[in-house]
Amino acid sequence: MPSSMWKHGATSMLALLATIALPSAVSAAPFMIVGNDEKISIDAQGKQTINPTGSDSVVIVDLANPEAPKIVAQLALENSIAGPPTNLAISPDGSIALVANSMTVAEVDGARKLVPTDKVFVIDLKSNPAKLVDTLHLGKQPSGLSFSPKGDIALVCNRADGTISVLKIDGAKVTQTSTVTVSPGVSHVEFTPDGKRALAIRSPDNKVAVLEVDGDKVTYNKLDMPTYAFPYNVVVSPDSKLAITADNGNGGSSDGNIDAISVIDLEGPHPHVIAHISVGDAPEGLAMSPKGNLAVVVNVNGSNMPQAWFHQKNGSVTVLSIQGKTVTPIKTIEVGRFPEAVMFTPDGQYIYVGNFLDKDFSILKVNGTDVTDTGKRFAVPGQPASGRMSVR
């Protein structure tokens, strides 16, 4: 979660322990990767505490049985709730994962503080067990990231530096090839499925930057589009014609006011915003169905702020119908406390919502355009701050 309030997270654990071996064929079933951040805790009265490093984990989850997920690998690897819940991803061929860790804990004048790092971890998913194979040092406060549709490059936002690192992917070997300057606070970047563009979120500026992609060359020609206040996440339709941003409002924190999504028409040479649509308070997690007919946005609703007048026990998911370029909210579903990450399965039939304070995932079922809560929860060994889904 963004936020001047407390959304900062952690970094820098060099030890990585795989407690359970991955199957040899990672592509045999859908997988998701989840980052659990234990450096920040919040009690029932709303008191926030910065904890020592050492308890974070990254888990890889087998979704062959979608209503009974199974953890198949657990890695003692520091990660962070600072930034959108998209600071990790699985490559399109399922061979590697990248995990960006925005912040770590340091002792400053006798007190624990959250400070930026520059680390992105490379996990080899084909190894049995999965293992850390490299630690990249990029810009300051690496945050949202994405693989290209071909999986030959990846982009990582360096939030404090205002840059985006371009990474070349060659099997499990990942190297930085260039850096694109965007603006301070750039929080997340997402490729269009056709691979021709990428959209970068300029959170403090209330804008989306359009990047042109030609092979491994990425350029920013200063084309921006306005959003509602404080965009923090973005998804693109499978046909690359439409994008949606989740716009937090209030610098990223809940404040009791309704916030919005922005809808972007990407067709033609002049991408532009065509709608701002009200959703809930502090939307952040955002996902597009692989079928392109639905999207979901996660609303925090003050569920992490128990002393606030606008506090609600749980967050919610707003379901959005997509018909052509018309996006319509059709349903709101209550989930858990302080929801962050959200993902569709590759077949579009299930949605998983990470509840940070409940240390679990809500499992929702999709039937056409109807989404319902199965009532089932999937527990993870920590507070799920981020999550991404495999392509297949």
Foldseek 3Di string as FASTA:
>chain_A
DADPPDFKFAFDDPAKDWPAWDDLQQPPAKKKKFKFTPQWDADLQGDIHGHADFQIKIWMWGCNPVQAIDTRTIIRGGAGLHFAQQQKEAFQSRFKMKHFHAWHWDQDPNGIDTAWFQWIWIWGVNDTHIDTDDIDGHATRWAHKDAALVRQWIWIQRQQQQKIWIWGDDRSDIDTDDIEHHGHRFGYKAAQNVRQWIWIDNFQVQWIFIWGDDPSDIYTPPDIEHAWHGWGDKDAANVRQKMKTQHQPPRQDFDLDWAWMWMWGRPDPRIYTDDTGTDGHRWGAKEAFNVRQKIKIKHQQQCSPNVDPRHDVFIKIFMWGDDPRDIDGDDIGTDHHRWGYWYAALVRFWMWIFHQNVQWIFIWGDDPSDIGTPPRIGHDSHGGSHMDMHND
